[in-house]
Amino acid sequence: MSSTEMQLCGVVKMLTNENIKRQGAKTAVVKTEEVIKAFSTEREVR
């Protein structure tokens, strides 16, 4: 896992934790899945 990927994982964890606090677990899971899909798409483009 590259440094960039590790940083992204940290950001995703932080955003997930904030979403859980603010909106509840269900919304956080949906947003996390969206981030993962966006990251996967971005990696395919490269």
C-alpha atoms as a PDB file:
ATOM      1  CA  MET A   1       0.000   0.000   0.000  1.00  0.00           C
ATOM      2  CA  SER A   2       1.486   3.325  -1.042  1.00  0.00           C
ATOM      3  CA  SER A   3       1.779   6.378   1.150  1.00  0.00           C
ATOM      4  CA  THR A   4      -1.021   8.078  -0.801  1.00  0.00           C
ATOM      5  CA  GLU A   5      -3.344   5.122  -0.283  1.00  0.00           C
ATOM      6  CA  MET A   6      -2.570   5.086   3.445  1.00  0.00           C
ATOM      7  CA  GLN A   7      -3.328   8.805   3.684  1.00  0.00           C
ATOM      8  CA  LEU A   8      -6.611   8.292   1.822  1.00  0.00           C
ATOM      9  CA  CYS A   9      -7.578   5.485   4.211  1.00  0.00           C
ATOM     10  CA  GLY A  10      -6.942   7.852   7.119  1.00  0.00           C
ATOM     11  CA  VAL A  11      -9.118  10.532   5.523  1.00  0.00           C
ATOM     12  CA  VAL A  12     -11.914   8.031   4.858  1.00  0.00           C
ATOM     13  CA  LYS A  13     -11.798   6.874   8.496  1.00  0.00           C
ATOM     14  CA  MET A  14     -11.939  10.460   9.753  1.00  0.00           C
ATOM     15  CA  LEU A  15     -14.835  11.361   7.454  1.00  0.00           C
ATOM     16  CA  THR A  16     -16.665   8.179   8.427  1.00  0.00           C
ATOM     17  CA  ASN A  17     -16.275   8.950  12.126  1.00  0.00           C
ATOM     18  CA  GLU A  18     -17.563  12.505  11.619  1.00  0.00           C
ATOM     19  CA  ASN A  19     -20.552  11.250   9.621  1.00  0.00           C
ATOM     20  CA  ILE A  20     -21.398   8.701  12.308  1.00  0.00           C
ATOM     21  CA  LYS A  21     -21.330  11.447  14.924  1.00  0.00           C
ATOM     22  CA  ARG A  22     -23.425  13.892  12.897  1.00  0.00           C
ATOM     23  CA  GLN A  23     -25.863  11.801  10.861  1.00  0.00           C
ATOM     24  CA  GLY A  24     -25.914   8.273  12.182  1.00  0.00           C
ATOM     25  CA  ALA A  25     -24.307   5.052  11.039  1.00  0.00           C
ATOM     26  CA  LYS A  26     -26.531   4.349   8.021  1.00  0.00           C
ATOM     27  CA  THR A  27     -25.698   7.629   6.271  1.00  0.00           C
ATOM     28  CA  ALA A  28     -21.992   7.219   7.054  1.00  0.00           C
ATOM     29  CA  VAL A  29     -21.922   3.797   5.415  1.00  0.00           C
ATOM     30  CA  VAL A  30     -23.502   5.179   2.234  1.00  0.00           C
ATOM     31  CA  LYS A  31     -21.033   8.084   2.095  1.00  0.00           C
ATOM     32  CA  THR A  32     -18.082   5.757   2.720  1.00  0.00           C
ATOM     33  CA  GLU A  33     -19.203   3.534  -0.150  1.00  0.00           C
ATOM     34  CA  GLU A  34     -19.414   6.612  -2.404  1.00  0.00           C
ATOM     35  CA  VAL A  35     -15.864   7.634  -1.443  1.00  0.00           C
ATOM     36  CA  ILE A  36     -14.586   4.122  -2.123  1.00  0.00           C
ATOM     37  CA  LYS A  37     -16.298   4.049  -5.536  1.00  0.00           C
ATOM     38  CA  ALA A  38     -14.879   7.469  -6.417  1.00  0.00           C
ATOM     39  CA  PHE A  39     -11.380   6.399  -5.358  1.00  0.00           C
ATOM     40  CA  SER A  40     -11.637   3.160  -7.354  1.00  0.00           C
ATOM     41  CA  THR A  41     -12.761   5.079 -10.440  1.00  0.00           C
ATOM     42  CA  GLU A  42      -9.918   7.582 -10.021  1.00  0.00           C
ATOM     43  CA  ARG A  43      -7.346   4.789  -9.772  1.00  0.00           C
ATOM     44  CA  GLU A  44      -8.684   3.133 -12.947  1.00  0.00           C
ATOM     45  CA  VAL A  45      -8.288   6.400 -14.858  1.00  0.00           C
ATOM     46  CA  ARG A  46      -4.610   6.625 -13.899  1.00  0.00           C
END
